[in-house]
Amino acid sequence: MNASSPSTALPNFPLIYLASASPRRHELLKQINVEHEILRLPEVDGEDEPRLDNEPAADYVKRTALEKAQRAMQYITEQELLKRPILSADTAVIYENLVLGKPQDEIDVAQTLSLLSGKQHEVHTAIVLAHHGEFYQDVCISKVYMRNITAREIAMYVASGQAQGKAGAYAIQGLASIFIEKIEGSYSGIMGLPLFETWRLLQQLLK
């Protein structure tokens, strides 16, 4: 586990666990001076975060964020780690109720960008705070408008390798930003941790 710098910690805020290995979420929490340790959970057997049959995409992302918090709580108990508040999150790129996950290969990257080209899609980031046996939840929904992307641009982006490990085959803070005409919502939410909603949720720690 890695801790953020204690010199930047906010007064009266307890140290929390961030149940995510995402470097972007780590950096976003550091941005608002929330002291935290990264809790790296064991990988789940089988498919990564499978979607249930007939499960709406919007429900999927909220469920997976909650399950991460529950697994983190169980892991802390099993490993006899210090009990601390837990923050978990999950982000889904959604187009017409399709959840666009991490691409499997370069062909998948090209197909995903072709699907999103010239269209609007949504990015849902659900967050969960586990504290004193309670689960506090919130979700941020942002709209992303992509311009028409040429085949040459798609090939250039595929060659960059930046789509690897990214839901929807892109990260807004990377090269794919040249494809995004505008957004409606939260930039940090699209990155993976909506800071407004996260800060609001963390107020539970002061009650």
N, C-alpha and C. Protein backbone atom coordinates (compact mmCIF):
# COMPACT_ATOMS: atom_id res chain seq x y z
N MET A 1 0.84 -1.19 0.00
CA MET A 1 0.00 0.00 0.00
C MET A 1 0.88 1.24 0.00
N ASN A 2 0.44 2.28 -0.71
CA ASN A 2 1.17 3.52 -0.78
C ASN A 2 0.34 4.63 -0.16
N ALA A 3 0.95 5.49 0.60
CA ALA A 3 0.24 6.58 1.24
C ALA A 3 0.55 7.89 0.55
N SER A 4 -0.44 8.79 0.52
CA SER A 4 -0.18 10.13 0.04
C SER A 4 0.61 10.89 1.08
N SER A 5 1.18 12.02 0.70
CA SER A 5 2.03 12.77 1.60
C SER A 5 1.24 13.31 2.78
N PRO A 6 1.64 12.99 4.03
CA PRO A 6 0.90 13.46 5.18
C PRO A 6 0.97 14.97 5.35
N SER A 7 1.95 15.63 4.75
CA SER A 7 2.10 17.07 4.90
C SER A 7 0.96 17.83 4.24
N THR A 8 0.26 17.19 3.31
CA THR A 8 -0.84 17.85 2.60
C THR A 8 -2.20 17.46 3.16
N ALA A 9 -2.22 16.67 4.23
CA ALA A 9 -3.49 16.16 4.75
C ALA A 9 -4.36 17.30 5.28
N LEU A 10 -5.66 17.13 5.11
CA LEU A 10 -6.61 18.10 5.62
C LEU A 10 -6.83 17.91 7.11
N PRO A 11 -6.96 18.98 7.87
CA PRO A 11 -7.20 18.83 9.30
C PRO A 11 -8.54 18.15 9.56
N ASN A 12 -8.57 17.30 10.57
CA ASN A 12 -9.78 16.60 11.02
C ASN A 12 -10.24 15.49 10.08
N PHE A 13 -9.55 15.28 8.97
CA PHE A 13 -9.92 14.20 8.06
C PHE A 13 -9.09 12.96 8.40
N PRO A 14 -9.73 11.83 8.61
CA PRO A 14 -8.96 10.62 8.89
C PRO A 14 -8.29 10.08 7.63
N LEU A 15 -7.24 9.32 7.83
CA LEU A 15 -6.62 8.60 6.72
C LEU A 15 -7.61 7.58 6.19
N ILE A 16 -7.76 7.50 4.88
CA ILE A 16 -8.71 6.55 4.27
C ILE A 16 -7.98 5.58 3.37
N TYR A 17 -8.65 4.49 3.06
CA TYR A 17 -8.19 3.57 2.03
C TYR A 17 -8.84 3.94 0.70
N LEU A 18 -8.05 3.96 -0.35
CA LEU A 18 -8.56 4.07 -1.71
C LEU A 18 -8.52 2.68 -2.32
N ALA A 19 -9.69 2.08 -2.50
CA ALA A 19 -9.77 0.71 -3.03
C ALA A 19 -9.72 0.75 -4.55
N SER A 20 -8.60 1.19 -5.07
CA SER A 20 -8.40 1.30 -6.51
C SER A 20 -6.92 1.42 -6.80
N ALA A 21 -6.48 0.72 -7.83
CA ALA A 21 -5.08 0.82 -8.25
C ALA A 21 -4.88 1.89 -9.32
N SER A 22 -5.95 2.62 -9.64
CA SER A 22 -5.88 3.63 -10.70
C SER A 22 -4.98 4.79 -10.30
N PRO A 23 -3.92 5.05 -11.05
CA PRO A 23 -3.07 6.20 -10.73
C PRO A 23 -3.81 7.52 -10.88
N ARG A 24 -4.82 7.57 -11.74
CA ARG A 24 -5.59 8.80 -11.93
C ARG A 24 -6.40 9.13 -10.68
N ARG A 25 -7.03 8.10 -10.08
CA ARG A 25 -7.81 8.36 -8.87
C ARG A 25 -6.89 8.78 -7.72
N HIS A 26 -5.74 8.16 -7.65
CA HIS A 26 -4.75 8.53 -6.64
C HIS A 26 -4.36 10.00 -6.78
N GLU A 27 -4.06 10.42 -8.00
CA GLU A 27 -3.65 11.80 -8.24
C GLU A 27 -4.79 12.78 -7.97
N LEU A 28 -6.02 12.38 -8.29
CA LEU A 28 -7.16 13.27 -8.05
C LEU A 28 -7.41 13.46 -6.56
N LEU A 29 -7.26 12.40 -5.78
CA LEU A 29 -7.40 12.55 -4.33
C LEU A 29 -6.29 13.44 -3.77
N LYS A 30 -5.08 13.28 -4.28
CA LYS A 30 -3.98 14.15 -3.85
C LYS A 30 -4.28 15.60 -4.19
N GLN A 31 -4.95 15.82 -5.31
CA GLN A 31 -5.28 17.18 -5.76
C GLN A 31 -6.12 17.92 -4.73
N ILE A 32 -7.00 17.19 -4.03
CA ILE A 32 -7.84 17.84 -3.02
C ILE A 32 -7.32 17.55 -1.60
N ASN A 33 -6.06 17.10 -1.50
CA ASN A 33 -5.36 16.94 -0.22
C ASN A 33 -6.04 15.96 0.73
N VAL A 34 -6.59 14.90 0.19
CA VAL A 34 -7.17 13.85 1.03
C VAL A 34 -6.12 12.77 1.23
N GLU A 35 -5.67 12.61 2.47
CA GLU A 35 -4.64 11.63 2.77
C GLU A 35 -5.22 10.22 2.64
N HIS A 36 -4.51 9.34 1.95
CA HIS A 36 -5.06 8.01 1.70
C HIS A 36 -3.95 7.00 1.47
N GLU A 37 -4.31 5.75 1.64
CA GLU A 37 -3.45 4.63 1.27
C GLU A 37 -4.15 3.86 0.17
N ILE A 38 -3.37 3.42 -0.80
CA ILE A 38 -3.92 2.63 -1.90
C ILE A 38 -4.04 1.17 -1.45
N LEU A 39 -5.24 0.66 -1.52
CA LEU A 39 -5.52 -0.71 -1.13
C LEU A 39 -5.66 -1.54 -2.41
N ARG A 40 -4.69 -2.38 -2.67
CA ARG A 40 -4.70 -3.20 -3.89
C ARG A 40 -5.36 -4.54 -3.58
N LEU A 41 -6.56 -4.72 -4.08
CA LEU A 41 -7.32 -5.93 -3.80
C LEU A 41 -6.91 -7.05 -4.74
N PRO A 42 -6.98 -8.30 -4.29
CA PRO A 42 -6.71 -9.43 -5.20
C PRO A 42 -7.70 -9.43 -6.36
N GLU A 43 -7.23 -9.86 -7.51
CA GLU A 43 -8.11 -9.92 -8.67
C GLU A 43 -9.19 -10.96 -8.48
N VAL A 44 -10.38 -10.65 -9.01
CA VAL A 44 -11.50 -11.57 -8.92
C VAL A 44 -11.35 -12.65 -9.97
N ASP A 45 -11.63 -13.90 -9.59
CA ASP A 45 -11.55 -15.01 -10.53
C ASP A 45 -12.57 -14.82 -11.66
N GLY A 46 -12.18 -15.20 -12.84
CA GLY A 46 -13.11 -15.15 -13.97
C GLY A 46 -13.12 -13.78 -14.62
N GLU A 47 -14.22 -13.45 -15.28
CA GLU A 47 -14.36 -12.20 -16.02
C GLU A 47 -14.27 -11.01 -15.08
N ASP A 48 -13.59 -9.98 -15.51
CA ASP A 48 -13.46 -8.77 -14.72
C ASP A 48 -14.77 -8.01 -14.69
N GLU A 49 -15.36 -7.89 -13.50
CA GLU A 49 -16.57 -7.12 -13.30
C GLU A 49 -17.64 -7.45 -14.35
N PRO A 50 -18.13 -8.68 -14.36
CA PRO A 50 -19.13 -9.07 -15.37
C PRO A 50 -20.44 -8.34 -15.15
N ARG A 51 -21.13 -8.09 -16.24
CA ARG A 51 -22.46 -7.47 -16.19
C ARG A 51 -23.51 -8.57 -16.10
N LEU A 52 -24.47 -8.38 -15.22
CA LEU A 52 -25.52 -9.37 -15.04
C LEU A 52 -26.48 -9.37 -16.23
N ASP A 53 -27.16 -10.48 -16.43
CA ASP A 53 -28.14 -10.57 -17.52
C ASP A 53 -29.22 -9.50 -17.34
N ASN A 54 -29.49 -8.78 -18.42
CA ASN A 54 -30.55 -7.75 -18.45
C ASN A 54 -30.31 -6.61 -17.46
N GLU A 55 -29.09 -6.46 -17.00
CA GLU A 55 -28.79 -5.38 -16.06
C GLU A 55 -28.59 -4.07 -16.81
N PRO A 56 -29.35 -3.02 -16.49
CA PRO A 56 -29.13 -1.73 -17.13
C PRO A 56 -27.71 -1.23 -16.89
N ALA A 57 -27.16 -0.56 -17.88
CA ALA A 57 -25.78 -0.09 -17.77
C ALA A 57 -25.59 0.83 -16.57
N ALA A 58 -26.57 1.69 -16.31
CA ALA A 58 -26.47 2.62 -15.19
C ALA A 58 -26.44 1.89 -13.85
N ASP A 59 -27.15 0.77 -13.75
CA ASP A 59 -27.15 -0.01 -12.50
C ASP A 59 -25.85 -0.79 -12.35
N TYR A 60 -25.30 -1.21 -13.48
CA TYR A 60 -24.06 -1.99 -13.46
C TYR A 60 -22.93 -1.25 -12.77
N VAL A 61 -22.72 0.02 -13.14
CA VAL A 61 -21.58 0.76 -12.59
C VAL A 61 -21.77 1.03 -11.11
N LYS A 62 -23.00 1.25 -10.66
CA LYS A 62 -23.24 1.46 -9.24
C LYS A 62 -23.02 0.17 -8.45
N ARG A 63 -23.43 -0.95 -9.02
CA ARG A 63 -23.25 -2.23 -8.33
C ARG A 63 -21.78 -2.58 -8.20
N THR A 64 -21.01 -2.39 -9.26
CA THR A 64 -19.61 -2.78 -9.21
C THR A 64 -18.81 -1.91 -8.24
N ALA A 65 -19.16 -0.63 -8.14
CA ALA A 65 -18.49 0.23 -7.17
C ALA A 65 -18.80 -0.23 -5.74
N LEU A 66 -20.06 -0.60 -5.50
CA LEU A 66 -20.44 -1.09 -4.17
C LEU A 66 -19.75 -2.41 -3.85
N GLU A 67 -19.66 -3.30 -4.83
CA GLU A 67 -19.01 -4.59 -4.60
C GLU A 67 -17.52 -4.41 -4.31
N LYS A 68 -16.89 -3.42 -4.92
CA LYS A 68 -15.48 -3.14 -4.62
C LYS A 68 -15.32 -2.75 -3.16
N ALA A 69 -16.22 -1.90 -2.68
CA ALA A 69 -16.15 -1.47 -1.28
C ALA A 69 -16.38 -2.66 -0.34
N GLN A 70 -17.30 -3.53 -0.70
CA GLN A 70 -17.59 -4.70 0.13
C GLN A 70 -16.40 -5.66 0.14
N ARG A 71 -15.77 -5.87 -1.02
CA ARG A 71 -14.59 -6.74 -1.08
C ARG A 71 -13.43 -6.14 -0.30
N ALA A 72 -13.30 -4.82 -0.36
CA ALA A 72 -12.23 -4.16 0.38
C ALA A 72 -12.43 -4.33 1.88
N MET A 73 -13.66 -4.21 2.34
CA MET A 73 -13.95 -4.38 3.76
C MET A 73 -13.63 -5.81 4.19
N GLN A 74 -13.99 -6.77 3.36
CA GLN A 74 -13.71 -8.17 3.67
C GLN A 74 -12.20 -8.42 3.69
N TYR A 75 -11.50 -7.86 2.72
CA TYR A 75 -10.04 -8.04 2.64
C TYR A 75 -9.35 -7.46 3.87
N ILE A 76 -9.77 -6.29 4.31
CA ILE A 76 -9.18 -5.66 5.49
C ILE A 76 -9.38 -6.54 6.71
N THR A 77 -10.56 -7.14 6.82
CA THR A 77 -10.84 -8.03 7.95
C THR A 77 -9.98 -9.28 7.89
N GLU A 78 -9.90 -9.88 6.70
CA GLU A 78 -9.14 -11.12 6.54
C GLU A 78 -7.65 -10.91 6.78
N GLN A 79 -7.14 -9.78 6.34
CA GLN A 79 -5.71 -9.49 6.48
C GLN A 79 -5.37 -8.81 7.81
N GLU A 80 -6.40 -8.59 8.61
CA GLU A 80 -6.25 -7.94 9.93
C GLU A 80 -5.54 -6.59 9.80
N LEU A 81 -5.95 -5.83 8.81
CA LEU A 81 -5.41 -4.48 8.63
C LEU A 81 -6.16 -3.50 9.52
N LEU A 82 -5.57 -2.34 9.69
CA LEU A 82 -6.23 -1.32 10.48
C LEU A 82 -7.55 -0.92 9.84
N LYS A 83 -8.58 -0.76 10.65
CA LYS A 83 -9.89 -0.35 10.15
C LYS A 83 -9.86 1.14 9.84
N ARG A 84 -10.21 1.48 8.61
CA ARG A 84 -10.27 2.86 8.17
C ARG A 84 -11.43 3.02 7.20
N PRO A 85 -11.90 4.24 6.96
CA PRO A 85 -12.90 4.44 5.90
C PRO A 85 -12.35 3.99 4.56
N ILE A 86 -13.24 3.51 3.71
CA ILE A 86 -12.85 2.99 2.40
C ILE A 86 -13.58 3.77 1.31
N LEU A 87 -12.83 4.22 0.32
CA LEU A 87 -13.42 4.86 -0.84
C LEU A 87 -13.18 3.98 -2.06
N SER A 88 -14.27 3.64 -2.74
CA SER A 88 -14.15 2.86 -3.98
C SER A 88 -14.86 3.59 -5.10
N ALA A 89 -14.54 3.22 -6.32
CA ALA A 89 -15.16 3.87 -7.48
C ALA A 89 -15.13 2.93 -8.67
N ASP A 90 -16.06 3.14 -9.57
CA ASP A 90 -16.02 2.42 -10.84
C ASP A 90 -16.54 3.35 -11.93
N THR A 91 -15.92 3.27 -13.09
CA THR A 91 -16.27 4.14 -14.21
C THR A 91 -16.67 3.29 -15.41
N ALA A 92 -17.76 3.69 -16.05
CA ALA A 92 -18.23 2.97 -17.24
C ALA A 92 -18.50 3.96 -18.36
N VAL A 93 -18.02 3.64 -19.54
CA VAL A 93 -18.35 4.39 -20.76
C VAL A 93 -19.56 3.71 -21.38
N ILE A 94 -20.65 4.46 -21.54
CA ILE A 94 -21.92 3.86 -21.94
C ILE A 94 -22.42 4.52 -23.22
N TYR A 95 -22.74 3.68 -24.19
CA TYR A 95 -23.34 4.15 -25.45
C TYR A 95 -24.56 3.29 -25.74
N GLU A 96 -25.72 3.91 -25.68
CA GLU A 96 -26.99 3.22 -25.96
C GLU A 96 -27.11 1.93 -25.15
N ASN A 97 -26.87 2.02 -23.86
CA ASN A 97 -26.95 0.91 -22.91
C ASN A 97 -25.87 -0.15 -23.11
N LEU A 98 -24.92 0.11 -23.98
CA LEU A 98 -23.75 -0.75 -24.10
C LEU A 98 -22.67 -0.24 -23.16
N VAL A 99 -22.08 -1.12 -22.39
CA VAL A 99 -20.94 -0.76 -21.55
C VAL A 99 -19.68 -1.07 -22.33
N LEU A 100 -18.95 -0.03 -22.68
CA LEU A 100 -17.74 -0.20 -23.49
C LEU A 100 -16.55 -0.35 -22.55
N GLY A 101 -16.10 -1.56 -22.38
CA GLY A 101 -15.02 -1.86 -21.44
C GLY A 101 -13.65 -1.61 -22.03
N LYS A 102 -12.66 -2.18 -21.40
CA LYS A 102 -11.28 -2.02 -21.86
C LYS A 102 -11.08 -2.86 -23.12
N PRO A 103 -10.47 -2.29 -24.15
CA PRO A 103 -10.30 -3.03 -25.41
C PRO A 103 -9.38 -4.23 -25.25
N GLN A 104 -9.69 -5.28 -25.98
CA GLN A 104 -8.90 -6.50 -25.93
C GLN A 104 -7.67 -6.44 -26.82
N ASP A 105 -7.77 -5.69 -27.93
CA ASP A 105 -6.67 -5.62 -28.89
C ASP A 105 -6.84 -4.37 -29.74
N GLU A 106 -5.96 -4.19 -30.71
CA GLU A 106 -6.00 -3.00 -31.55
C GLU A 106 -7.25 -2.95 -32.41
N ILE A 107 -7.74 -4.08 -32.84
CA ILE A 107 -8.97 -4.12 -33.63
C ILE A 107 -10.13 -3.60 -32.79
N ASP A 108 -10.17 -4.02 -31.53
CA ASP A 108 -11.21 -3.57 -30.61
C ASP A 108 -11.14 -2.06 -30.40
N VAL A 109 -9.93 -1.52 -30.30
CA VAL A 109 -9.76 -0.07 -30.16
C VAL A 109 -10.36 0.66 -31.35
N ALA A 110 -10.00 0.22 -32.54
CA ALA A 110 -10.49 0.87 -33.76
C ALA A 110 -12.01 0.77 -33.87
N GLN A 111 -12.57 -0.37 -33.52
CA GLN A 111 -14.03 -0.54 -33.60
C GLN A 111 -14.74 0.35 -32.59
N THR A 112 -14.17 0.48 -31.39
CA THR A 112 -14.79 1.32 -30.37
C THR A 112 -14.78 2.78 -30.78
N LEU A 113 -13.65 3.27 -31.27
CA LEU A 113 -13.57 4.66 -31.70
C LEU A 113 -14.49 4.93 -32.89
N SER A 114 -14.60 3.97 -33.80
CA SER A 114 -15.51 4.12 -34.93
C SER A 114 -16.95 4.20 -34.46
N LEU A 115 -17.28 3.44 -33.41
CA LEU A 115 -18.63 3.47 -32.86
C LEU A 115 -18.94 4.82 -32.23
N LEU A 116 -17.97 5.40 -31.51
CA LEU A 116 -18.20 6.66 -30.81
C LEU A 116 -18.04 7.88 -31.70
N SER A 117 -17.41 7.72 -32.85
CA SER A 117 -17.13 8.84 -33.75
C SER A 117 -18.42 9.56 -34.16
N GLY A 118 -18.43 10.88 -33.96
CA GLY A 118 -19.56 11.70 -34.39
C GLY A 118 -20.80 11.56 -33.53
N LYS A 119 -20.66 10.95 -32.35
CA LYS A 119 -21.83 10.69 -31.51
C LYS A 119 -21.60 11.17 -30.08
N GLN A 120 -22.70 11.17 -29.34
CA GLN A 120 -22.64 11.47 -27.91
C GLN A 120 -22.71 10.17 -27.12
N HIS A 121 -21.92 10.09 -26.06
CA HIS A 121 -22.03 8.96 -25.14
C HIS A 121 -21.94 9.48 -23.72
N GLU A 122 -22.14 8.61 -22.76
CA GLU A 122 -22.10 9.00 -21.35
C GLU A 122 -20.97 8.28 -20.62
N VAL A 123 -20.44 8.96 -19.63
CA VAL A 123 -19.47 8.35 -18.73
C VAL A 123 -20.05 8.42 -17.32
N HIS A 124 -20.28 7.26 -16.74
CA HIS A 124 -20.83 7.17 -15.38
C HIS A 124 -19.70 6.77 -14.44
N THR A 125 -19.51 7.53 -13.38
CA THR A 125 -18.58 7.13 -12.33
C THR A 125 -19.34 7.07 -11.02
N ALA A 126 -19.42 5.88 -10.46
CA ALA A 126 -20.08 5.66 -9.18
C ALA A 126 -19.02 5.62 -8.09
N ILE A 127 -19.32 6.23 -6.96
CA ILE A 127 -18.39 6.22 -5.83
C ILE A 127 -19.11 5.73 -4.59
N VAL A 128 -18.35 5.05 -3.73
CA VAL A 128 -18.90 4.50 -2.49
C VAL A 128 -17.92 4.78 -1.36
N LEU A 129 -18.45 5.26 -0.24
CA LEU A 129 -17.67 5.44 0.97
C LEU A 129 -18.20 4.48 2.02
N ALA A 130 -17.35 3.56 2.47
CA ALA A 130 -17.71 2.63 3.54
C ALA A 130 -17.16 3.18 4.85
N HIS A 131 -18.05 3.42 5.81
CA HIS A 131 -17.63 4.06 7.06
C HIS A 131 -18.56 3.64 8.19
N HIS A 132 -17.98 3.06 9.25
CA HIS A 132 -18.75 2.63 10.42
C HIS A 132 -19.90 1.69 10.04
N GLY A 133 -19.62 0.78 9.10
CA GLY A 133 -20.61 -0.21 8.72
C GLY A 133 -21.68 0.28 7.75
N GLU A 134 -21.59 1.54 7.34
CA GLU A 134 -22.55 2.08 6.39
C GLU A 134 -21.87 2.28 5.03
N PHE A 135 -22.68 2.21 3.97
CA PHE A 135 -22.19 2.45 2.61
C PHE A 135 -22.90 3.68 2.05
N TYR A 136 -22.13 4.74 1.86
CA TYR A 136 -22.67 5.98 1.30
C TYR A 136 -22.31 6.02 -0.18
N GLN A 137 -23.29 6.31 -1.02
CA GLN A 137 -23.09 6.18 -2.46
C GLN A 137 -23.48 7.44 -3.21
N ASP A 138 -22.82 7.65 -4.33
CA ASP A 138 -23.17 8.75 -5.24
C ASP A 138 -22.73 8.34 -6.64
N VAL A 139 -23.23 9.03 -7.63
CA VAL A 139 -22.85 8.73 -9.01
C VAL A 139 -22.80 10.04 -9.80
N CYS A 140 -21.84 10.14 -10.66
CA CYS A 140 -21.67 11.31 -11.53
C CYS A 140 -21.86 10.85 -12.98
N ILE A 141 -22.73 11.55 -13.70
CA ILE A 141 -23.01 11.21 -15.10
C ILE A 141 -22.61 12.40 -15.97
N SER A 142 -21.72 12.16 -16.91
CA SER A 142 -21.27 13.21 -17.82
C SER A 142 -21.53 12.79 -19.26
N LYS A 143 -21.81 13.77 -20.10
CA LYS A 143 -22.00 13.52 -21.52
C LYS A 143 -20.75 13.96 -22.28
N VAL A 144 -20.33 13.12 -23.20
CA VAL A 144 -19.13 13.40 -24.00
C VAL A 144 -19.54 13.40 -25.48
N TYR A 145 -19.18 14.46 -26.17
CA TYR A 145 -19.49 14.59 -27.59
C TYR A 145 -18.20 14.43 -28.39
N MET A 146 -18.13 13.41 -29.19
CA MET A 146 -16.96 13.21 -30.04
C MET A 146 -17.26 13.66 -31.46
N ARG A 147 -16.31 14.36 -32.05
CA ARG A 147 -16.44 14.76 -33.45
C ARG A 147 -16.24 13.55 -34.34
N ASN A 148 -16.45 13.74 -35.62
CA ASN A 148 -16.16 12.67 -36.57
C ASN A 148 -14.65 12.43 -36.63
N ILE A 149 -14.26 11.18 -36.46
CA ILE A 149 -12.85 10.82 -36.42
C ILE A 149 -12.50 10.09 -37.71
N THR A 150 -11.45 10.54 -38.39
CA THR A 150 -11.07 9.92 -39.65
C THR A 150 -10.37 8.59 -39.42
N ALA A 151 -10.35 7.78 -40.45
CA ALA A 151 -9.67 6.48 -40.36
C ALA A 151 -8.18 6.68 -40.08
N ARG A 152 -7.61 7.74 -40.65
CA ARG A 152 -6.18 8.03 -40.41
C ARG A 152 -5.94 8.37 -38.94
N GLU A 153 -6.85 9.15 -38.36
CA GLU A 153 -6.70 9.52 -36.94
C GLU A 153 -6.87 8.31 -36.03
N ILE A 154 -7.79 7.44 -36.41
CA ILE A 154 -7.97 6.23 -35.61
C ILE A 154 -6.71 5.37 -35.65
N ALA A 155 -6.12 5.25 -36.84
CA ALA A 155 -4.89 4.46 -36.97
C ALA A 155 -3.76 5.08 -36.15
N MET A 156 -3.68 6.42 -36.17
CA MET A 156 -2.66 7.12 -35.39
C MET A 156 -2.86 6.85 -33.89
N TYR A 157 -4.12 6.89 -33.46
CA TYR A 157 -4.41 6.69 -32.04
C TYR A 157 -4.13 5.24 -31.63
N VAL A 158 -4.51 4.30 -32.46
CA VAL A 158 -4.23 2.89 -32.18
C VAL A 158 -2.73 2.68 -32.01
N ALA A 159 -1.94 3.29 -32.89
CA ALA A 159 -0.48 3.13 -32.84
C ALA A 159 0.13 3.75 -31.59
N SER A 160 -0.55 4.72 -30.99
CA SER A 160 -0.02 5.39 -29.80
C SER A 160 0.00 4.47 -28.58
N GLY A 161 -0.88 3.46 -28.57
CA GLY A 161 -0.96 2.55 -27.44
C GLY A 161 -1.69 3.11 -26.23
N GLN A 162 -2.24 4.32 -26.35
CA GLN A 162 -2.86 4.96 -25.19
C GLN A 162 -4.21 4.34 -24.81
N ALA A 163 -4.78 3.52 -25.67
CA ALA A 163 -6.08 2.93 -25.36
C ALA A 163 -5.99 1.76 -24.39
N GLN A 164 -4.80 1.22 -24.22
CA GLN A 164 -4.62 0.03 -23.40
C GLN A 164 -5.08 0.28 -21.96
N GLY A 165 -5.95 -0.58 -21.48
CA GLY A 165 -6.42 -0.49 -20.10
C GLY A 165 -7.42 0.61 -19.83
N LYS A 166 -7.95 1.25 -20.89
CA LYS A 166 -8.88 2.36 -20.72
C LYS A 166 -10.30 1.94 -21.11
N ALA A 167 -11.24 2.16 -20.21
CA ALA A 167 -12.64 1.91 -20.54
C ALA A 167 -13.05 2.80 -21.71
N GLY A 168 -13.74 2.21 -22.69
CA GLY A 168 -14.13 2.97 -23.86
C GLY A 168 -12.99 3.26 -24.81
N ALA A 169 -11.81 2.70 -24.52
CA ALA A 169 -10.62 2.81 -25.36
C ALA A 169 -10.01 4.21 -25.39
N TYR A 170 -10.35 5.04 -24.39
CA TYR A 170 -9.72 6.37 -24.38
C TYR A 170 -9.66 6.93 -22.97
N ALA A 171 -8.73 7.88 -22.79
CA ALA A 171 -8.64 8.67 -21.58
C ALA A 171 -8.74 10.13 -21.99
N ILE A 172 -9.62 10.87 -21.34
CA ILE A 172 -9.87 12.25 -21.75
C ILE A 172 -8.64 13.13 -21.60
N GLN A 173 -7.74 12.76 -20.68
CA GLN A 173 -6.55 13.58 -20.44
C GLN A 173 -5.40 13.24 -21.37
N GLY A 174 -5.61 12.30 -22.28
CA GLY A 174 -4.55 11.88 -23.18
C GLY A 174 -4.77 12.36 -24.61
N LEU A 175 -4.18 11.64 -25.56
CA LEU A 175 -4.26 12.00 -26.97
C LEU A 175 -5.70 12.07 -27.47
N ALA A 176 -6.58 11.26 -26.90
CA ALA A 176 -7.97 11.23 -27.35
C ALA A 176 -8.69 12.55 -27.12
N SER A 177 -8.10 13.46 -26.37
CA SER A 177 -8.73 14.76 -26.14
C SER A 177 -8.95 15.52 -27.45
N ILE A 178 -8.16 15.22 -28.47
CA ILE A 178 -8.33 15.92 -29.75
C ILE A 178 -9.60 15.49 -30.47
N PHE A 179 -10.22 14.39 -30.02
CA PHE A 179 -11.45 13.90 -30.63
C PHE A 179 -12.70 14.44 -29.92
N ILE A 180 -12.53 15.03 -28.75
CA ILE A 180 -13.68 15.40 -27.93
C ILE A 180 -14.05 16.86 -28.17
N GLU A 181 -15.21 17.05 -28.76
CA GLU A 181 -15.67 18.40 -29.10
C GLU A 181 -16.09 19.17 -27.85
N LYS A 182 -16.84 18.51 -26.98
CA LYS A 182 -17.26 19.16 -25.73
C LYS A 182 -17.73 18.10 -24.75
N ILE A 183 -17.83 18.52 -23.49
CA ILE A 183 -18.40 17.65 -22.47
C ILE A 183 -19.46 18.44 -21.70
N GLU A 184 -20.40 17.71 -21.13
CA GLU A 184 -21.37 18.28 -20.22
C GLU A 184 -21.29 17.45 -18.94
N GLY A 185 -20.74 18.05 -17.89
CA GLY A 185 -20.59 17.29 -16.66
C GLY A 185 -19.26 17.54 -16.01
N SER A 186 -18.65 16.48 -15.52
CA SER A 186 -17.45 16.59 -14.69
C SER A 186 -16.23 16.03 -15.41
N TYR A 187 -15.22 16.87 -15.62
CA TYR A 187 -13.99 16.40 -16.23
C TYR A 187 -13.32 15.35 -15.35
N SER A 188 -13.25 15.62 -14.04
CA SER A 188 -12.62 14.65 -13.14
C SER A 188 -13.44 13.37 -13.06
N GLY A 189 -14.77 13.48 -13.21
CA GLY A 189 -15.61 12.28 -13.23
C GLY A 189 -15.29 11.40 -14.43
N ILE A 190 -15.04 12.03 -15.56
CA ILE A 190 -14.68 11.27 -16.76
C ILE A 190 -13.30 10.64 -16.59
N MET A 191 -12.42 11.30 -15.86
CA MET A 191 -11.10 10.73 -15.57
C MET A 191 -11.20 9.53 -14.65
N GLY A 192 -12.25 9.50 -13.80
CA GLY A 192 -12.42 8.33 -12.93
C GLY A 192 -12.78 8.60 -11.50
N LEU A 193 -12.77 9.91 -11.08
CA LEU A 193 -13.15 10.23 -9.71
C LEU A 193 -13.71 11.65 -9.68
N PRO A 194 -15.03 11.80 -9.65
CA PRO A 194 -15.63 13.14 -9.66
C PRO A 194 -15.36 13.86 -8.34
N LEU A 195 -14.59 14.93 -8.38
CA LEU A 195 -14.13 15.54 -7.14
C LEU A 195 -15.24 16.24 -6.37
N PHE A 196 -16.19 16.84 -7.06
CA PHE A 196 -17.30 17.48 -6.35
C PHE A 196 -18.08 16.44 -5.54
N GLU A 197 -18.49 15.36 -6.19
CA GLU A 197 -19.26 14.32 -5.51
C GLU A 197 -18.43 13.61 -4.45
N THR A 198 -17.15 13.41 -4.73
CA THR A 198 -16.28 12.74 -3.76
C THR A 198 -16.15 13.57 -2.50
N TRP A 199 -15.90 14.86 -2.66
CA TRP A 199 -15.78 15.73 -1.49
C TRP A 199 -17.08 15.76 -0.68
N ARG A 200 -18.19 15.81 -1.40
CA ARG A 200 -19.49 15.81 -0.71
C ARG A 200 -19.69 14.52 0.08
N LEU A 201 -19.27 13.40 -0.50
CA LEU A 201 -19.42 12.11 0.17
C LEU A 201 -18.50 12.05 1.40
N LEU A 202 -17.31 12.59 1.28
CA LEU A 202 -16.34 12.52 2.37
C LEU A 202 -16.75 13.35 3.59
N GLN A 203 -17.73 14.21 3.43
CA GLN A 203 -18.22 14.96 4.58
C GLN A 203 -18.82 14.05 5.64
N GLN A 204 -19.18 12.82 5.25
CA GLN A 204 -19.68 11.86 6.22
C GLN A 204 -18.62 11.55 7.28
N LEU A 205 -17.36 11.75 6.94
CA LEU A 205 -16.27 11.45 7.88
C LEU A 205 -16.19 12.48 9.01
N LEU A 206 -16.83 13.61 8.85
CA LEU A 206 -16.77 14.67 9.85
C LEU A 206 -17.99 14.68 10.76
N LYS A 207 -18.92 13.72 10.54
CA LYS A 207 -20.14 13.71 11.34
C LYS A 207 -19.94 12.83 12.58
